[in-house]
């Protein structure tokens, strides 16, 4: 069974289909091992609060090197970048 979000997980828990030996609240049960709901559900989604970004100055320098001087170019370049990575 594939859960896409914690909302799906909670609905599953409330449906009474979950085995009794699987916790409804894994964050409490597995506190010492907890890596996030994305890890628990297998989606690998990382919550915004848990993401790590490079420093602002480095990010700004990277963006400036892309030569994105307006919103349209930014959207177009982002779409091309995602396509090249095969994420579309």
C-alpha atoms as a PDB file:
ATOM      1  CA  UNK A   1       0.000   0.000   0.000  1.00  0.00           C
ATOM      2  CA  UNK A   2       1.384   3.400  -0.931  1.00  0.00           C
ATOM      3  CA  UNK A   3       0.739   6.437   1.220  1.00  0.00           C
ATOM      4  CA  UNK A   4       1.471   9.814  -0.318  1.00  0.00           C
ATOM      5  CA  UNK A   5       1.090  11.928   2.806  1.00  0.00           C
ATOM      6  CA  UNK A   6       0.533  11.907   6.540  1.00  0.00           C
ATOM      7  CA  UNK A   7      -3.109  12.630   5.734  1.00  0.00           C
ATOM      8  CA  UNK A   8      -3.288   9.264   3.927  1.00  0.00           C
ATOM      9  CA  UNK A   9      -1.554   7.561   6.861  1.00  0.00           C
ATOM     10  CA  UNK A  10      -3.984   9.054   9.377  1.00  0.00           C
ATOM     11  CA  UNK A  11      -6.972   7.998   7.282  1.00  0.00           C
ATOM     12  CA  UNK A  12      -5.561   4.466   7.114  1.00  0.00           C
ATOM     13  CA  UNK A  13      -5.095   4.392  10.889  1.00  0.00           C
ATOM     14  CA  UNK A  14      -8.670   5.535  11.448  1.00  0.00           C
ATOM     15  CA  UNK A  15     -10.000   2.920   9.000  1.00  0.00           C
ATOM     16  CA  UNK A  16      -9.043   0.148  11.450  1.00  0.00           C
ATOM     17  CA  UNK A  17      -7.185  -1.744   8.708  1.00  0.00           C
ATOM     18  CA  UNK A  18      -3.809  -1.116  10.368  1.00  0.00           C
ATOM     19  CA  UNK A  19      -2.405  -4.084  12.309  1.00  0.00           C
ATOM     20  CA  UNK A  20      -2.342  -3.529  16.077  1.00  0.00           C
ATOM     21  CA  UNK A  21       1.436  -3.963  16.289  1.00  0.00           C
ATOM     22  CA  UNK A  22       2.063  -0.975  13.982  1.00  0.00           C
ATOM     23  CA  UNK A  23       1.886   2.364  15.819  1.00  0.00           C
ATOM     24  CA  UNK A  24      -0.586   5.023  14.717  1.00  0.00           C
ATOM     25  CA  UNK A  25       1.812   7.682  15.927  1.00  0.00           C
ATOM     26  CA  UNK A  26       5.251   6.428  14.845  1.00  0.00           C
ATOM     27  CA  UNK A  27       6.958   9.722  15.719  1.00  0.00           C
ATOM     28  CA  UNK A  28       6.248   9.011  19.403  1.00  0.00           C
ATOM     29  CA  UNK A  29       6.974   5.290  19.320  1.00  0.00           C
ATOM     30  CA  UNK A  30      10.198   5.540  17.329  1.00  0.00           C
ATOM     31  CA  UNK A  31      11.362   8.923  18.615  1.00  0.00           C
ATOM     32  CA  UNK A  32      15.044   7.913  18.811  1.00  0.00           C
ATOM     33  CA  UNK A  33      15.005   6.634  15.217  1.00  0.00           C
ATOM     34  CA  UNK A  34      12.579   9.101  13.665  1.00  0.00           C
ATOM     35  CA  UNK A  35      13.680  10.626  10.337  1.00  0.00           C
ATOM     36  CA  UNK A  36      10.366  12.100   9.265  1.00  0.00           C
ATOM     37  CA  UNK A  37       7.049  11.081   7.795  1.00  0.00           C
ATOM     38  CA  UNK A  38       8.550  10.894   4.302  1.00  0.00           C
ATOM     39  CA  UNK A  39      10.983   8.253   5.512  1.00  0.00           C
ATOM     40  CA  UNK A  40       8.221   6.383   7.376  1.00  0.00           C
ATOM     41  CA  UNK A  41       5.899   6.340   4.364  1.00  0.00           C
ATOM     42  CA  UNK A  42       8.639   5.746   1.812  1.00  0.00           C
ATOM     43  CA  UNK A  43       7.989   8.958  -0.130  1.00  0.00           C
ATOM     44  CA  UNK A  44      11.414  10.404   0.811  1.00  0.00           C
ATOM     45  CA  UNK A  45       9.719  13.806   1.131  1.00  0.00           C
ATOM     46  CA  UNK A  46      11.663  16.126   3.422  1.00  0.00           C
ATOM     47  CA  UNK A  47       9.616  18.645   5.368  1.00  0.00           C
ATOM     48  CA  UNK A  48      10.559  22.268   4.719  1.00  0.00           C
ATOM     49  CA  UNK A  49      11.672  22.689   8.328  1.00  0.00           C
ATOM     50  CA  UNK A  50      14.134  19.784   7.922  1.00  0.00           C
ATOM     51  CA  UNK A  51      15.678  20.827   4.603  1.00  0.00           C
ATOM     52  CA  UNK A  52      19.218  22.101   4.430  1.00  0.00           C
ATOM     53  CA  UNK A  53      20.080  24.827   1.958  1.00  0.00           C
ATOM     54  CA  UNK A  54      23.351  26.414   0.955  1.00  0.00           C
ATOM     55  CA  UNK A  55      24.178  29.855   2.309  1.00  0.00           C
ATOM     56  CA  UNK A  56      22.295  32.787   0.807  1.00  0.00           C
ATOM     57  CA  UNK A  57      25.399  34.378  -0.771  1.00  0.00           C
ATOM     58  CA  UNK A  58      26.298  31.161  -2.613  1.00  0.00           C
ATOM     59  CA  UNK A  59      22.723  30.604  -3.747  1.00  0.00           C
ATOM     60  CA  UNK A  60      22.488  34.186  -4.993  1.00  0.00           C
ATOM     61  CA  UNK A  61      25.766  33.825  -6.908  1.00  0.00           C
ATOM     62  CA  UNK A  62      24.477  30.611  -8.512  1.00  0.00           C
ATOM     63  CA  UNK A  63      21.216  32.266  -9.584  1.00  0.00           C
ATOM     64  CA  UNK A  64      23.037  35.313 -10.976  1.00  0.00           C
ATOM     65  CA  UNK A  65      25.258  33.041 -13.100  1.00  0.00           C
ATOM     66  CA  UNK A  66      22.117  31.555 -14.672  1.00  0.00           C
ATOM     67  CA  UNK A  67      21.345  34.972 -16.147  1.00  0.00           C
ATOM     68  CA  UNK A  68      17.695  34.869 -15.210  1.00  0.00           C
ATOM     69  CA  UNK A  69      16.718  38.488 -15.618  1.00  0.00           C
ATOM     70  CA  UNK A  70      12.956  38.164 -15.572  1.00  0.00           C
ATOM     71  CA  UNK A  71      10.188  35.920 -14.338  1.00  0.00           C
ATOM     72  CA  UNK A  72       9.495  34.285 -17.728  1.00  0.00           C
ATOM     73  CA  UNK A  73      13.136  33.245 -18.160  1.00  0.00           C
ATOM     74  CA  UNK A  74      13.155  31.884 -14.635  1.00  0.00           C
ATOM     75  CA  UNK A  75      10.109  29.691 -15.294  1.00  0.00           C
ATOM     76  CA  UNK A  76      11.418  28.560 -18.695  1.00  0.00           C
ATOM     77  CA  UNK A  77      14.873  27.744 -17.370  1.00  0.00           C
ATOM     78  CA  UNK A  78      13.423  25.858 -14.402  1.00  0.00           C
ATOM     79  CA  UNK A  79      11.259  23.759 -16.725  1.00  0.00           C
ATOM     80  CA  UNK A  80      14.285  22.932 -18.910  1.00  0.00           C
ATOM     81  CA  UNK A  81      16.335  22.054 -15.813  1.00  0.00           C
ATOM     82  CA  UNK A  82      13.655  19.683 -14.510  1.00  0.00           C
ATOM     83  CA  UNK A  83      13.291  18.109 -17.942  1.00  0.00           C
ATOM     84  CA  UNK A  84      17.074  17.510 -18.175  1.00  0.00           C
ATOM     85  CA  UNK A  85      17.029  15.844 -14.756  1.00  0.00           C
ATOM     86  CA  UNK A  86      14.197  13.601 -15.862  1.00  0.00           C
ATOM     87  CA  UNK A  87      11.913  14.741 -13.059  1.00  0.00           C
ATOM     88  CA  UNK A  88       8.955  15.585 -15.274  1.00  0.00           C
END
